[in-house]
């Protein structure tokens, strides 16, 4: 039982038991399908929990030199790195901390592969391809939308890959199902099948939400096995992020004021949507609040307002069993994946603490943030 009174407000709290459940499922899929599943930092980079993650999954993927360094230092293994564009300033660090480097364009590959070859450590290089097919409906998260800058379309590749290309990489999914992957693989096979026999590995990117309750993991395993049977030369790599931390924790906040305007009551909390839950406004999606429902006529109903000065820093409406009061806790569910890595200190608003509720039912406070954290970001 989690003791909410033991948790500072605001605070992101990851539950170790739930994390381990996800990790065990991911490891089982990995072993049954005979593929390599690695952690994507862009969705989950709470590195003080990496000792737990490493018990199940030893490798990770990075999208920048800082993420690659984090993989090397805290996961204890070099990263599978992909970025839309590398620079001369950053590439030495990318080389130092990576085992695999995927290039977004042929021009980037031509520009930097000589440095990889000169490095001499056998870093494996790949190209990101764009199959021009995706089931993702939100353009903000659709890497295959018309005109996308992500990946190389088939028309730009010949029948022979450049010397030094050992892998291909695609990423078309976002919190998607195994059936979405199956449809994507059909397009990849149709458009790029003649090139798959020329490489050693195929990275199927992220967005595989295999820890969601309705996800058909048996179907996923069968899809992956069938693809491996057709292309036995390939090591299959998958790099989900959300799946690792899906529904593993919450953001605890406290009501600090209640205001009313034209009959709309807003409960202002000690956290911010724009600062601490940016995906809610970007996606957009309405998060679940513990012990609350969508608006129900006749029940106490509130917008929830953030504590920044952005006018649009609010969401609503939720109904509660009883009226909210200053000091009440408002708990946002499923706030560990993506949320934490995208936070900001806009307005100088204090960042929520980071904590683990351990399997021994104890609070492990990973980090609290103070004025110096804000000040040091500004200069």
Foldseek 3Di string as FASTA:
>chain_A
DFDPVVFDPWEWAFAAVVLLVLLVVVLVLCVLLVAAEAAEVLWFDPLVCLVVNLVRHQAAAYAFLVRQVSSCPRSVAGHQYEYLADDPVGVVSNLVRHQEYEYFDPVRCVVCVVVNVVVPPNRQYAYEAALLDAPDDQPVPAQNPPPHSGHHYLVVDDLEDDPRHAEYEYEGAALDALVRVLVVVVSCCVRPVSPLQVHQEYEDEERHQCQPPPHDSVSNSVSSNVVCVVRVSYRYYYHYHCSSRFQRIKTKWFFADWDDDPRAIEGEILAWCVAQVVCCVVVNNDFDKPQKAADDPPFAWHWYAYDDPPPPGIGDIIGHNHHDDGGDMIMTTGRRTSRVSPGDCVVVRFDHWYWYCYPVRDIDGPDGDDSVVVVVVVD
